[in-house]
Amino acid sequence: MSIPSIRLYGNRKVQVITHKGICSCSDRHIEIFSIAGIICVCGKNLEIMEITDEYLCIKGTIEGISYK
């Protein structure tokens, strides 16, 4: 499994490729497991729009992305 790729489209959509699952999820904060650690997406009205074994798409007002 390779390191994750994160694509940010303005402040409205983020794609995470090569994830390992969801750690926690709310409308303000989504934490995603990855081989590089936990990816934290913070914002408002966050929704997981699409999820597959390796691909995850989140929409909402993205205010920040960080690693733990």
PDB file of N, CA and C in Angstrom:
ATOM      1  N   MET A   1       0.852  -1.186   0.000  1.00  0.00           N
ATOM      2  CA  MET A   1       0.000   0.000   0.000  1.00  0.00           C
ATOM      3  C   MET A   1       0.894   1.245   0.000  1.00  0.00           C
ATOM      4  N   SER A   2       0.538   2.229  -0.788  1.00  0.00           N
ATOM      5  CA  SER A   2       1.356   3.433  -0.924  1.00  0.00           C
ATOM      6  C   SER A   2       0.861   4.547  -0.002  1.00  0.00           C
ATOM      7  N   ILE A   3       1.661   5.589   0.103  1.00  0.00           N
ATOM      8  CA  ILE A   3       1.274   6.722   0.929  1.00  0.00           C
ATOM      9  C   ILE A   3       0.040   7.405   0.322  1.00  0.00           C
ATOM     10  N   PRO A   4      -0.776   8.055   1.150  1.00  0.00           N
ATOM     11  CA  PRO A   4      -2.017   8.642   0.639  1.00  0.00           C
ATOM     12  C   PRO A   4      -1.767   9.865  -0.239  1.00  0.00           C
ATOM     13  N   SER A   5      -2.688  10.062  -1.154  1.00  0.00           N
ATOM     14  CA  SER A   5      -2.694  11.253  -1.991  1.00  0.00           C
ATOM     15  C   SER A   5      -3.929  12.056  -1.609  1.00  0.00           C
ATOM     16  N   ILE A   6      -3.738  13.346  -1.364  1.00  0.00           N
ATOM     17  CA  ILE A   6      -4.847  14.213  -0.978  1.00  0.00           C
ATOM     18  C   ILE A   6      -5.017  15.280  -2.049  1.00  0.00           C
ATOM     19  N   ARG A   7      -6.231  15.373  -2.574  1.00  0.00           N
ATOM     20  CA  ARG A   7      -6.549  16.393  -3.581  1.00  0.00           C
ATOM     21  C   ARG A   7      -7.604  17.320  -2.993  1.00  0.00           C
ATOM     22  N   LEU A   8      -7.287  18.596  -2.995  1.00  0.00           N
ATOM     23  CA  LEU A   8      -8.198  19.605  -2.455  1.00  0.00           C
ATOM     24  C   LEU A   8      -8.711  20.457  -3.607  1.00  0.00           C
ATOM     25  N   TYR A   9     -10.015  20.589  -3.704  1.00  0.00           N
ATOM     26  CA  TYR A   9     -10.663  21.381  -4.742  1.00  0.00           C
ATOM     27  C   TYR A   9     -11.282  22.607  -4.081  1.00  0.00           C
ATOM     28  N   GLY A  10     -10.494  23.702  -4.053  1.00  0.00           N
ATOM     29  CA  GLY A  10     -10.947  24.911  -3.354  1.00  0.00           C
ATOM     30  C   GLY A  10     -11.138  24.594  -1.879  1.00  0.00           C
ATOM     31  N   ASN A  11     -12.207  25.109  -1.303  1.00  0.00           N
ATOM     32  CA  ASN A  11     -12.502  24.773   0.088  1.00  0.00           C
ATOM     33  C   ASN A  11     -13.809  23.987   0.176  1.00  0.00           C
ATOM     34  N   ARG A  12     -14.215  23.323  -0.928  1.00  0.00           N
ATOM     35  CA  ARG A  12     -15.502  22.640  -0.982  1.00  0.00           C
ATOM     36  C   ARG A  12     -15.434  21.121  -1.088  1.00  0.00           C
ATOM     37  N   LYS A  13     -14.282  20.577  -1.492  1.00  0.00           N
ATOM     38  CA  LYS A  13     -14.209  19.135  -1.717  1.00  0.00           C
ATOM     39  C   LYS A  13     -12.778  18.651  -1.500  1.00  0.00           C
ATOM     40  N   VAL A  14     -12.634  17.491  -0.899  1.00  0.00           N
ATOM     41  CA  VAL A  14     -11.328  16.865  -0.721  1.00  0.00           C
ATOM     42  C   VAL A  14     -11.449  15.380  -1.059  1.00  0.00           C
ATOM     43  N   GLN A  15     -10.441  14.862  -1.755  1.00  0.00           N
ATOM     44  CA  GLN A  15     -10.364  13.447  -2.082  1.00  0.00           C
ATOM     45  C   GLN A  15      -9.128  12.870  -1.408  1.00  0.00           C
ATOM     46  N   VAL A  16      -9.297  11.716  -0.768  1.00  0.00           N
ATOM     47  CA  VAL A  16      -8.176  11.001  -0.168  1.00  0.00           C
ATOM     48  C   VAL A  16      -8.084   9.659  -0.873  1.00  0.00           C
ATOM     49  N   ILE A  17      -6.953   9.417  -1.504  1.00  0.00           N
ATOM     50  CA  ILE A  17      -6.724   8.171  -2.229  1.00  0.00           C
ATOM     51  C   ILE A  17      -5.730   7.338  -1.429  1.00  0.00           C
ATOM     52  N   THR A  18      -6.000   6.064  -1.284  1.00  0.00           N
ATOM     53  CA  THR A  18      -5.229   5.108  -0.503  1.00  0.00           C
ATOM     54  C   THR A  18      -5.433   5.322   0.997  1.00  0.00           C
ATOM     55  N   HIS A  19      -6.680   5.313   1.429  1.00  0.00           N
ATOM     56  CA  HIS A  19      -7.001   5.377   2.861  1.00  0.00           C
ATOM     57  C   HIS A  19      -7.161   3.961   3.400  1.00  0.00           C
ATOM     58  N   LYS A  20      -7.260   3.852   4.727  1.00  0.00           N
ATOM     59  CA  LYS A  20      -7.430   2.544   5.358  1.00  0.00           C
ATOM     60  C   LYS A  20      -8.681   2.500   6.229  1.00  0.00           C
ATOM     61  N   GLY A  21      -9.585   3.478   6.073  1.00  0.00           N
ATOM     62  CA  GLY A  21     -10.830   3.462   6.824  1.00  0.00           C
ATOM     63  C   GLY A  21     -11.067   4.756   7.583  1.00  0.00           C
ATOM     64  N   ILE A  22     -12.240   4.848   8.177  1.00  0.00           N
ATOM     65  CA  ILE A  22     -12.657   6.028   8.936  1.00  0.00           C
ATOM     66  C   ILE A  22     -12.391   5.789  10.418  1.00  0.00           C
ATOM     67  N   CYS A  23     -11.762   6.743  11.071  1.00  0.00           N
ATOM     68  CA  CYS A  23     -11.491   6.679  12.504  1.00  0.00           C
ATOM     69  C   CYS A  23     -12.669   7.283  13.275  1.00  0.00           C
ATOM     70  N   SER A  24     -13.076   8.505  12.889  1.00  0.00           N
ATOM     71  CA  SER A  24     -14.236   9.166  13.497  1.00  0.00           C
ATOM     72  C   SER A  24     -14.842  10.118  12.476  1.00  0.00           C
ATOM     73  N   CYS A  25     -16.121  10.436  12.700  1.00  0.00           N
ATOM     74  CA  CYS A  25     -16.814  11.240  11.704  1.00  0.00           C
ATOM     75  C   CYS A  25     -17.910  12.080  12.362  1.00  0.00           C
ATOM     76  N   SER A  26     -17.907  13.383  12.064  1.00  0.00           N
ATOM     77  CA  SER A  26     -18.994  14.282  12.453  1.00  0.00           C
ATOM     78  C   SER A  26     -19.109  15.339  11.362  1.00  0.00           C
ATOM     79  N   ASP A  27     -20.057  16.249  11.500  1.00  0.00           N
ATOM     80  CA  ASP A  27     -20.216  17.276  10.471  1.00  0.00           C
ATOM     81  C   ASP A  27     -19.143  18.361  10.551  1.00  0.00           C
ATOM     82  N   ARG A  28     -18.293  18.348  11.603  1.00  0.00           N
ATOM     83  CA  ARG A  28     -17.226  19.333  11.768  1.00  0.00           C
ATOM     84  C   ARG A  28     -15.824  18.727  11.666  1.00  0.00           C
ATOM     85  N   HIS A  29     -15.728  17.391  11.754  1.00  0.00           N
ATOM     86  CA  HIS A  29     -14.409  16.767  11.875  1.00  0.00           C
ATOM     87  C   HIS A  29     -14.480  15.328  11.362  1.00  0.00           C
ATOM     88  N   ILE A  30     -13.608  14.966  10.418  1.00  0.00           N
ATOM     89  CA  ILE A  30     -13.521  13.587   9.929  1.00  0.00           C
ATOM     90  C   ILE A  30     -12.070  13.147  10.030  1.00  0.00           C
ATOM     91  N   GLU A  31     -11.844  12.009  10.698  1.00  0.00           N
ATOM     92  CA  GLU A  31     -10.504  11.445  10.835  1.00  0.00           C
ATOM     93  C   GLU A  31     -10.435  10.162  10.026  1.00  0.00           C
ATOM     94  N   ILE A  32      -9.363  10.035   9.233  1.00  0.00           N
ATOM     95  CA  ILE A  32      -9.217   8.946   8.276  1.00  0.00           C
ATOM     96  C   ILE A  32      -7.901   8.220   8.557  1.00  0.00           C
ATOM     97  N   PHE A  33      -7.968   6.896   8.697  1.00  0.00           N
ATOM     98  CA  PHE A  33      -6.753   6.105   8.853  1.00  0.00           C
ATOM     99  C   PHE A  33      -6.007   6.040   7.520  1.00  0.00           C
ATOM    100  N   SER A  34      -4.675   6.124   7.589  1.00  0.00           N
ATOM    101  CA  SER A  34      -3.835   5.929   6.406  1.00  0.00           C
ATOM    102  C   SER A  34      -2.518   5.310   6.841  1.00  0.00           C
ATOM    103  N   ILE A  35      -1.741   4.857   5.890  1.00  0.00           N
ATOM    104  CA  ILE A  35      -0.438   4.269   6.192  1.00  0.00           C
ATOM    105  C   ILE A  35       0.514   5.311   6.800  1.00  0.00           C
ATOM    106  N   ALA A  36       0.290   6.590   6.520  1.00  0.00           N
ATOM    107  CA  ALA A  36       1.142   7.672   7.020  1.00  0.00           C
ATOM    108  C   ALA A  36       0.659   8.223   8.361  1.00  0.00           C
ATOM    109  N   GLY A  37      -0.436   7.706   8.895  1.00  0.00           N
ATOM    110  CA  GLY A  37      -1.005   8.199  10.144  1.00  0.00           C
ATOM    111  C   GLY A  37      -2.465   8.558   9.946  1.00  0.00           C
ATOM    112  N   ILE A  38      -3.003   9.336  10.852  1.00  0.00           N
ATOM    113  CA  ILE A  38      -4.404   9.742  10.771  1.00  0.00           C
ATOM    114  C   ILE A  38      -4.492  11.106  10.090  1.00  0.00           C
ATOM    115  N   ILE A  39      -5.317  11.173   9.054  1.00  0.00           N
ATOM    116  CA  ILE A  39      -5.564  12.425   8.335  1.00  0.00           C
ATOM    117  C   ILE A  39      -6.817  13.045   8.924  1.00  0.00           C
ATOM    118  N   CYS A  40      -6.711  14.299   9.360  1.00  0.00           N
ATOM    119  CA  CYS A  40      -7.830  15.004   9.972  1.00  0.00           C
ATOM    120  C   CYS A  40      -8.333  16.098   9.023  1.00  0.00           C
ATOM    121  N   VAL A  41      -9.611  16.041   8.687  1.00  0.00           N
ATOM    122  CA  VAL A  41     -10.248  17.068   7.864  1.00  0.00           C
ATOM    123  C   VAL A  41     -11.223  17.815   8.767  1.00  0.00           C
ATOM    124  N   CYS A  42     -11.036  19.130   8.889  1.00  0.00           N
ATOM    125  CA  CYS A  42     -11.890  19.955   9.735  1.00  0.00           C
ATOM    126  C   CYS A  42     -12.653  20.944   8.867  1.00  0.00           C
ATOM    127  N   GLY A  43     -13.871  21.286   9.280  1.00  0.00           N
ATOM    128  CA  GLY A  43     -14.655  22.245   8.529  1.00  0.00           C
ATOM    129  C   GLY A  43     -16.082  22.327   9.024  1.00  0.00           C
ATOM    130  N   LYS A  44     -16.982  22.696   8.130  1.00  0.00           N
ATOM    131  CA  LYS A  44     -18.402  22.824   8.448  1.00  0.00           C
ATOM    132  C   LYS A  44     -19.212  22.022   7.442  1.00  0.00           C
ATOM    133  N   ASN A  45     -20.299  21.435   7.917  1.00  0.00           N
ATOM    134  CA  ASN A  45     -21.213  20.668   7.070  1.00  0.00           C
ATOM    135  C   ASN A  45     -20.495  19.587   6.255  1.00  0.00           C
ATOM    136  N   LEU A  46     -19.542  18.906   6.869  1.00  0.00           N
ATOM    137  CA  LEU A  46     -18.783  17.874   6.166  1.00  0.00           C
ATOM    138  C   LEU A  46     -19.630  16.625   5.961  1.00  0.00           C
ATOM    139  N   GLU A  47     -19.531  16.049   4.772  1.00  0.00           N
ATOM    140  CA  GLU A  47     -20.242  14.824   4.417  1.00  0.00           C
ATOM    141  C   GLU A  47     -19.310  13.928   3.615  1.00  0.00           C
ATOM    142  N   ILE A  48     -19.356  12.646   3.894  1.00  0.00           N
ATOM    143  CA  ILE A  48     -18.636  11.691   3.057  1.00  0.00           C
ATOM    144  C   ILE A  48     -19.555  11.385   1.883  1.00  0.00           C
ATOM    145  N   MET A  49     -19.138  11.793   0.704  1.00  0.00           N
ATOM    146  CA  MET A  49     -19.964  11.629  -0.496  1.00  0.00           C
ATOM    147  C   MET A  49     -19.759  10.276  -1.168  1.00  0.00           C
ATOM    148  N   GLU A  50     -18.537   9.769  -1.110  1.00  0.00           N
ATOM    149  CA  GLU A  50     -18.233   8.493  -1.765  1.00  0.00           C
ATOM    150  C   GLU A  50     -17.090   7.831  -1.025  1.00  0.00           C
ATOM    151  N   ILE A  51     -17.197   6.531  -0.853  1.00  0.00           N
ATOM    152  CA  ILE A  51     -16.111   5.784  -0.217  1.00  0.00           C
ATOM    153  C   ILE A  51     -16.016   4.396  -0.846  1.00  0.00           C
ATOM    154  N   THR A  52     -14.785   4.023  -1.202  1.00  0.00           N
ATOM    155  CA  THR A  52     -14.488   2.683  -1.705  1.00  0.00           C
ATOM    156  C   THR A  52     -13.343   2.142  -0.867  1.00  0.00           C
ATOM    157  N   ASP A  53     -12.791   1.005  -1.255  1.00  0.00           N
ATOM    158  CA  ASP A  53     -11.676   0.414  -0.505  1.00  0.00           C
ATOM    159  C   ASP A  53     -10.465   1.336  -0.422  1.00  0.00           C
ATOM    160  N   GLU A  54     -10.234   2.153  -1.450  1.00  0.00           N
ATOM    161  CA  GLU A  54      -9.051   3.013  -1.464  1.00  0.00           C
ATOM    162  C   GLU A  54      -9.352   4.493  -1.611  1.00  0.00           C
ATOM    163  N   TYR A  55     -10.545   4.857  -2.027  1.00  0.00           N
ATOM    164  CA  TYR A  55     -10.875   6.238  -2.384  1.00  0.00           C
ATOM    165  C   TYR A  55     -11.944   6.782  -1.448  1.00  0.00           C
ATOM    166  N   LEU A  56     -11.805   8.047  -1.046  1.00  0.00           N
ATOM    167  CA  LEU A  56     -12.757   8.707  -0.161  1.00  0.00           C
ATOM    168  C   LEU A  56     -12.957  10.136  -0.639  1.00  0.00           C
ATOM    169  N   CYS A  57     -14.202  10.582  -0.729  1.00  0.00           N
ATOM    170  CA  CYS A  57     -14.509  11.940  -1.165  1.00  0.00           C
ATOM    171  C   CYS A  57     -15.366  12.616  -0.090  1.00  0.00           C
ATOM    172  N   ILE A  58     -14.935  13.796   0.348  1.00  0.00           N
ATOM    173  CA  ILE A  58     -15.635  14.564   1.380  1.00  0.00           C
ATOM    174  C   ILE A  58     -16.016  15.913   0.790  1.00  0.00           C
ATOM    175  N   LYS A  59     -17.251  16.339   1.042  1.00  0.00           N
ATOM    176  CA  LYS A  59     -17.642  17.674   0.613  1.00  0.00           C
ATOM    177  C   LYS A  59     -18.133  18.463   1.825  1.00  0.00           C
ATOM    178  N   GLY A  60     -18.100  19.782   1.694  1.00  0.00           N
ATOM    179  CA  GLY A  60     -18.482  20.703   2.756  1.00  0.00           C
ATOM    180  C   GLY A  60     -17.585  21.926   2.651  1.00  0.00           C
ATOM    181  N   THR A  61     -17.531  22.701   3.710  1.00  0.00           N
ATOM    182  CA  THR A  61     -16.617  23.841   3.766  1.00  0.00           C
ATOM    183  C   THR A  61     -15.362  23.374   4.496  1.00  0.00           C
ATOM    184  N   ILE A  62     -14.293  23.147   3.752  1.00  0.00           N
ATOM    185  CA  ILE A  62     -13.047  22.630   4.309  1.00  0.00           C
ATOM    186  C   ILE A  62     -12.261  23.794   4.916  1.00  0.00           C
ATOM    187  N   GLU A  63     -11.958  23.685   6.216  1.00  0.00           N
ATOM    188  CA  GLU A  63     -11.185  24.737   6.903  1.00  0.00           C
ATOM    189  C   GLU A  63      -9.746  24.322   7.182  1.00  0.00           C
ATOM    190  N   GLY A  64      -9.471  23.018   7.179  1.00  0.00           N
ATOM    191  CA  GLY A  64      -8.104  22.582   7.430  1.00  0.00           C
ATOM    192  C   GLY A  64      -7.934  21.079   7.254  1.00  0.00           C
ATOM    193  N   ILE A  65      -6.703  20.687   6.911  1.00  0.00           N
ATOM    194  CA  ILE A  65      -6.329  19.273   6.791  1.00  0.00           C
ATOM    195  C   ILE A  65      -4.995  19.110   7.511  1.00  0.00           C
ATOM    196  N   SER A  66      -4.915  18.098   8.373  1.00  0.00           N
ATOM    197  CA  SER A  66      -3.668  17.868   9.109  1.00  0.00           C
ATOM    198  C   SER A  66      -3.452  16.379   9.327  1.00  0.00           C
ATOM    199  N   TYR A  67      -2.251  16.013   9.773  1.00  0.00           N
ATOM    200  CA  TYR A  67      -1.896  14.641  10.122  1.00  0.00           C
ATOM    201  C   TYR A  67      -1.703  14.548  11.631  1.00  0.00           C
ATOM    202  N   LYS A  68      -2.024  13.391  12.181  1.00  0.00           N
ATOM    203  CA  LYS A  68      -1.719  13.099  13.589  1.00  0.00           C
ATOM    204  C   LYS A  68      -0.651  12.039  13.632  1.00  0.00           C
TER     205      LYS A  68
END
